[in-house]
């Protein structure tokens, strides 16, 4: 079972902005090869930090308005939210240690 949350305009406020724990948001698309490359690392982090970090995924093809709201021009783009604020942004595929380092400082 996946520990990642599928995010949409309908649940973004509740799942991300009102989250009591930091949230890693992965903006991706089905056709994006770099997105597929980082997906296993993102899912592993969701499991490893369950309860301390929430991980959500936004399919930019389905949620264009949400992608536009956060200025997503390239994917994959990873955003870290803490206390309802975006605190970190990273564009492009990264190895798991780099993604983990990106979120660890906010845990």
N, C-alpha and C. Protein backbone atom coordinates (compact mmCIF):
# COMPACT_ATOMS: atom_id res chain seq x y z
N UNK A 1 0.83 -1.19 0.00
CA UNK A 1 0.00 0.00 0.00
C UNK A 1 0.88 1.26 0.00
N UNK A 2 0.53 2.18 -0.84
CA UNK A 2 1.31 3.42 -0.92
C UNK A 2 1.00 4.33 0.27
N UNK A 3 2.03 4.98 0.76
CA UNK A 3 1.84 5.94 1.85
C UNK A 3 1.81 7.36 1.32
N UNK A 4 1.79 7.48 -0.01
CA UNK A 4 1.73 8.79 -0.64
C UNK A 4 0.28 9.20 -0.83
N UNK A 5 0.04 10.50 -0.76
CA UNK A 5 -1.30 11.05 -0.93
C UNK A 5 -1.40 11.65 -2.33
N UNK A 6 -2.46 11.32 -3.06
CA UNK A 6 -2.70 11.95 -4.34
C UNK A 6 -3.34 13.31 -4.07
N UNK A 7 -2.67 14.35 -4.52
CA UNK A 7 -3.12 15.71 -4.22
C UNK A 7 -3.86 16.32 -5.39
N UNK A 8 -4.85 17.15 -5.06
CA UNK A 8 -5.63 17.85 -6.06
C UNK A 8 -5.98 19.23 -5.51
N UNK A 9 -6.59 20.04 -6.33
CA UNK A 9 -7.05 21.35 -5.86
C UNK A 9 -8.04 21.20 -4.71
N UNK A 10 -8.79 20.10 -4.74
CA UNK A 10 -9.81 19.86 -3.71
C UNK A 10 -9.23 19.56 -2.33
N UNK A 11 -8.10 18.85 -2.28
CA UNK A 11 -7.57 18.45 -0.96
C UNK A 11 -6.24 19.09 -0.60
N UNK A 12 -5.69 19.97 -1.44
CA UNK A 12 -4.37 20.56 -1.19
C UNK A 12 -4.34 21.36 0.11
N UNK A 13 -5.37 22.15 0.34
CA UNK A 13 -5.44 22.96 1.58
C UNK A 13 -5.36 22.05 2.81
N UNK A 14 -6.19 21.02 2.83
CA UNK A 14 -6.26 20.12 3.99
C UNK A 14 -4.99 19.30 4.15
N UNK A 15 -4.55 18.66 3.06
CA UNK A 15 -3.44 17.72 3.13
C UNK A 15 -2.07 18.38 3.24
N UNK A 16 -1.92 19.56 2.65
CA UNK A 16 -0.59 20.20 2.61
C UNK A 16 -0.54 21.44 3.51
N UNK A 17 -1.36 22.42 3.21
CA UNK A 17 -1.27 23.70 3.92
C UNK A 17 -1.67 23.60 5.39
N UNK A 18 -2.58 22.68 5.71
CA UNK A 18 -3.01 22.51 7.11
C UNK A 18 -2.36 21.31 7.78
N UNK A 19 -1.37 20.71 7.15
CA UNK A 19 -0.73 19.51 7.70
C UNK A 19 0.06 19.83 8.97
N UNK A 20 -0.08 18.98 10.00
CA UNK A 20 0.70 19.19 11.22
C UNK A 20 2.17 18.78 11.07
N UNK A 21 2.49 18.05 10.01
CA UNK A 21 3.88 17.62 9.75
C UNK A 21 4.33 18.21 8.42
N UNK A 22 5.64 18.31 8.19
CA UNK A 22 6.13 18.80 6.89
C UNK A 22 5.61 17.92 5.75
N UNK A 23 5.49 18.50 4.56
CA UNK A 23 4.97 17.78 3.40
C UNK A 23 5.93 17.94 2.23
N UNK A 24 6.28 16.81 1.62
CA UNK A 24 7.05 16.80 0.37
C UNK A 24 6.05 16.59 -0.75
N UNK A 25 5.97 17.56 -1.67
CA UNK A 25 5.02 17.49 -2.78
C UNK A 25 5.81 17.26 -4.07
N UNK A 26 5.46 16.18 -4.76
CA UNK A 26 6.10 15.80 -6.01
C UNK A 26 5.16 16.15 -7.17
N UNK A 27 5.54 17.15 -7.98
CA UNK A 27 4.78 17.49 -9.18
C UNK A 27 5.36 16.64 -10.31
N UNK A 28 4.52 15.84 -10.95
CA UNK A 28 4.98 14.84 -11.91
C UNK A 28 3.94 14.66 -13.02
N UNK A 29 4.29 13.81 -14.00
CA UNK A 29 3.35 13.40 -15.05
C UNK A 29 3.70 11.98 -15.48
N UNK A 30 2.70 11.27 -15.97
CA UNK A 30 2.86 9.87 -16.38
C UNK A 30 3.92 9.70 -17.46
N UNK A 31 4.03 10.66 -18.39
CA UNK A 31 4.93 10.57 -19.53
C UNK A 31 6.35 11.03 -19.22
N UNK A 32 6.59 11.52 -18.02
CA UNK A 32 7.88 12.12 -17.65
C UNK A 32 8.86 11.05 -17.14
N UNK A 33 9.89 10.76 -17.92
CA UNK A 33 10.85 9.73 -17.52
C UNK A 33 11.63 10.10 -16.24
N UNK A 34 12.14 11.34 -16.10
CA UNK A 34 12.82 11.68 -14.84
C UNK A 34 11.89 11.53 -13.63
N UNK A 35 10.58 11.80 -13.82
CA UNK A 35 9.61 11.62 -12.73
C UNK A 35 9.55 10.16 -12.31
N UNK A 36 9.54 9.28 -13.31
CA UNK A 36 9.50 7.84 -13.03
C UNK A 36 10.79 7.38 -12.35
N UNK A 37 11.90 8.03 -12.69
CA UNK A 37 13.19 7.66 -12.09
C UNK A 37 13.22 7.97 -10.59
N UNK A 38 12.63 9.09 -10.18
CA UNK A 38 12.70 9.45 -8.76
C UNK A 38 11.55 8.86 -7.94
N UNK A 39 10.51 8.33 -8.62
CA UNK A 39 9.33 7.83 -7.91
C UNK A 39 9.66 6.80 -6.83
N UNK A 40 10.53 5.81 -7.08
CA UNK A 40 10.84 4.85 -6.02
C UNK A 40 11.48 5.51 -4.79
N UNK A 41 12.35 6.47 -5.00
CA UNK A 41 13.01 7.17 -3.89
C UNK A 41 12.00 7.97 -3.08
N UNK A 42 11.08 8.63 -3.77
CA UNK A 42 10.05 9.42 -3.09
C UNK A 42 9.15 8.50 -2.27
N UNK A 43 8.79 7.35 -2.84
CA UNK A 43 7.94 6.41 -2.12
C UNK A 43 8.66 5.82 -0.90
N UNK A 44 9.95 5.53 -1.04
CA UNK A 44 10.74 5.02 0.09
C UNK A 44 10.77 6.05 1.22
N UNK A 45 10.93 7.32 0.89
CA UNK A 45 10.94 8.36 1.91
C UNK A 45 9.60 8.44 2.62
N UNK A 46 8.51 8.28 1.87
CA UNK A 46 7.17 8.30 2.46
C UNK A 46 7.05 7.21 3.51
N UNK A 47 7.61 6.05 3.22
CA UNK A 47 7.55 4.92 4.17
C UNK A 47 8.51 5.15 5.34
N UNK A 48 9.73 5.56 5.03
CA UNK A 48 10.76 5.74 6.08
C UNK A 48 10.39 6.79 7.11
N UNK A 49 9.73 7.84 6.65
CA UNK A 49 9.41 8.96 7.54
C UNK A 49 7.92 9.05 7.87
N UNK A 50 7.22 7.95 7.70
CA UNK A 50 5.79 7.91 7.98
C UNK A 50 5.51 8.43 9.40
N UNK A 51 4.57 9.35 9.50
CA UNK A 51 4.24 9.96 10.79
C UNK A 51 5.00 11.25 11.06
N UNK A 52 6.16 11.41 10.41
CA UNK A 52 6.96 12.63 10.60
C UNK A 52 6.98 13.50 9.35
N UNK A 53 6.65 12.88 8.20
CA UNK A 53 6.65 13.57 6.92
C UNK A 53 5.51 13.01 6.09
N UNK A 54 4.76 13.91 5.47
CA UNK A 54 3.72 13.48 4.54
C UNK A 54 4.28 13.67 3.14
N UNK A 55 3.98 12.73 2.26
CA UNK A 55 4.42 12.84 0.87
C UNK A 55 3.19 12.82 -0.02
N UNK A 56 3.10 13.83 -0.88
CA UNK A 56 1.98 13.92 -1.80
C UNK A 56 2.45 14.08 -3.22
N UNK A 57 1.61 13.63 -4.15
CA UNK A 57 1.95 13.71 -5.56
C UNK A 57 0.86 14.48 -6.30
N UNK A 58 1.31 15.39 -7.18
CA UNK A 58 0.39 16.17 -8.00
C UNK A 58 0.69 15.83 -9.46
N UNK A 59 -0.28 15.23 -10.15
CA UNK A 59 -0.15 14.96 -11.57
C UNK A 59 -0.47 16.27 -12.30
N UNK A 60 0.54 16.85 -12.94
CA UNK A 60 0.36 18.16 -13.56
C UNK A 60 -0.62 18.14 -14.73
N UNK A 61 -0.79 16.97 -15.36
CA UNK A 61 -1.76 16.86 -16.45
C UNK A 61 -3.19 16.95 -15.93
N UNK A 62 -3.42 16.43 -14.73
CA UNK A 62 -4.75 16.44 -14.12
C UNK A 62 -5.00 17.72 -13.32
N UNK A 63 -3.93 18.32 -12.80
CA UNK A 63 -4.06 19.46 -11.89
C UNK A 63 -3.25 20.66 -12.39
N UNK A 64 -3.57 21.08 -13.61
CA UNK A 64 -2.85 22.20 -14.22
C UNK A 64 -2.97 23.50 -13.43
N UNK A 65 -4.14 23.74 -12.83
CA UNK A 65 -4.32 24.97 -12.05
C UNK A 65 -3.41 24.99 -10.84
N UNK A 66 -3.28 23.85 -10.18
CA UNK A 66 -2.42 23.75 -9.00
C UNK A 66 -0.95 23.93 -9.40
N UNK A 67 -0.56 23.31 -10.51
CA UNK A 67 0.81 23.48 -11.01
C UNK A 67 1.08 24.95 -11.34
N UNK A 68 0.12 25.60 -11.97
CA UNK A 68 0.29 27.01 -12.32
C UNK A 68 0.38 27.89 -11.07
N UNK A 69 -0.43 27.56 -10.07
CA UNK A 69 -0.43 28.34 -8.82
C UNK A 69 0.95 28.35 -8.17
N UNK A 70 1.68 27.23 -8.28
CA UNK A 70 3.01 27.13 -7.67
C UNK A 70 4.13 27.34 -8.68
N UNK A 71 3.80 27.82 -9.87
CA UNK A 71 4.81 28.19 -10.85
C UNK A 71 5.61 27.01 -11.38
N UNK A 72 4.98 25.86 -11.50
CA UNK A 72 5.69 24.67 -11.97
C UNK A 72 5.84 24.75 -13.49
N UNK A 73 7.08 24.91 -13.95
CA UNK A 73 7.37 25.01 -15.37
C UNK A 73 8.05 23.76 -15.90
N UNK A 74 8.75 23.05 -15.04
CA UNK A 74 9.45 21.82 -15.41
C UNK A 74 9.14 20.75 -14.37
N UNK A 75 9.14 19.50 -14.82
CA UNK A 75 8.93 18.41 -13.88
C UNK A 75 10.04 17.38 -14.07
N UNK A 76 10.38 16.64 -13.03
CA UNK A 76 9.78 16.72 -11.71
C UNK A 76 10.20 17.97 -10.94
N UNK A 77 9.28 18.48 -10.17
CA UNK A 77 9.58 19.55 -9.22
C UNK A 77 9.13 19.07 -7.85
N UNK A 78 10.02 19.18 -6.88
CA UNK A 78 9.71 18.81 -5.51
C UNK A 78 9.61 20.08 -4.67
N UNK A 79 8.53 20.20 -3.92
CA UNK A 79 8.35 21.32 -3.00
C UNK A 79 8.23 20.77 -1.60
N UNK A 80 8.82 21.48 -0.63
CA UNK A 80 8.66 21.12 0.78
C UNK A 80 7.85 22.22 1.44
N UNK A 81 6.80 21.81 2.14
CA UNK A 81 5.95 22.74 2.89
C UNK A 81 6.09 22.45 4.37
N UNK A 82 6.18 23.51 5.15
CA UNK A 82 6.18 23.37 6.61
C UNK A 82 5.31 24.49 7.17
N UNK A 83 4.42 24.13 8.07
CA UNK A 83 3.50 25.10 8.68
C UNK A 83 2.75 25.92 7.63
N UNK A 84 2.34 25.25 6.54
CA UNK A 84 1.54 25.91 5.52
C UNK A 84 2.31 26.77 4.54
N UNK A 85 3.63 26.82 4.68
CA UNK A 85 4.45 27.66 3.80
C UNK A 85 5.41 26.80 2.98
N UNK A 86 5.62 27.18 1.72
CA UNK A 86 6.62 26.49 0.92
C UNK A 86 8.00 26.97 1.40
N UNK A 87 8.83 26.03 1.81
CA UNK A 87 10.13 26.39 2.36
C UNK A 87 11.30 25.93 1.48
N UNK A 88 11.01 25.08 0.49
CA UNK A 88 12.09 24.57 -0.35
C UNK A 88 11.53 24.14 -1.69
N UNK A 89 12.29 24.36 -2.76
CA UNK A 89 11.89 23.92 -4.09
C UNK A 89 13.11 23.36 -4.80
N UNK A 90 12.91 22.24 -5.50
CA UNK A 90 13.98 21.64 -6.26
C UNK A 90 13.41 21.13 -7.58
N UNK A 91 14.00 21.56 -8.68
CA UNK A 91 13.55 21.13 -10.00
C UNK A 91 14.53 20.10 -10.53
N UNK A 92 14.00 19.02 -11.09
CA UNK A 92 14.83 17.99 -11.70
C UNK A 92 14.97 16.75 -10.85
N UNK A 93 15.44 15.69 -11.48
CA UNK A 93 15.61 14.41 -10.81
C UNK A 93 16.83 14.45 -9.90
N UNK A 94 16.65 13.92 -8.70
CA UNK A 94 17.73 13.85 -7.73
C UNK A 94 17.83 12.43 -7.19
N UNK A 95 19.03 12.01 -6.76
CA UNK A 95 19.12 10.71 -6.10
C UNK A 95 18.47 10.78 -4.71
N UNK A 96 18.11 9.63 -4.19
CA UNK A 96 17.42 9.59 -2.90
C UNK A 96 18.15 10.36 -1.80
N UNK A 97 19.48 10.22 -1.65
CA UNK A 97 20.14 10.96 -0.56
C UNK A 97 19.94 12.47 -0.65
N UNK A 98 19.90 13.00 -1.87
CA UNK A 98 19.70 14.44 -2.04
C UNK A 98 18.27 14.84 -1.69
N UNK A 99 17.30 14.01 -2.06
CA UNK A 99 15.90 14.30 -1.72
C UNK A 99 15.73 14.21 -0.20
N UNK A 100 16.34 13.21 0.40
CA UNK A 100 16.25 13.03 1.85
C UNK A 100 16.87 14.21 2.58
N UNK A 101 18.02 14.68 2.11
CA UNK A 101 18.68 15.83 2.74
C UNK A 101 17.81 17.07 2.62
N UNK A 102 17.08 17.18 1.52
CA UNK A 102 16.22 18.33 1.28
C UNK A 102 15.11 18.41 2.34
N UNK A 103 14.57 17.27 2.76
CA UNK A 103 13.45 17.29 3.72
C UNK A 103 13.90 17.18 5.17
N UNK A 104 15.07 16.58 5.40
CA UNK A 104 15.50 16.31 6.79
C UNK A 104 15.59 17.56 7.66
N UNK A 105 16.01 18.67 7.09
CA UNK A 105 16.18 19.87 7.90
C UNK A 105 14.86 20.43 8.41
N UNK A 106 13.74 19.97 7.85
CA UNK A 106 12.43 20.48 8.26
C UNK A 106 11.67 19.50 9.16
N UNK A 107 12.27 18.36 9.47
CA UNK A 107 11.60 17.37 10.30
C UNK A 107 11.72 17.71 11.78
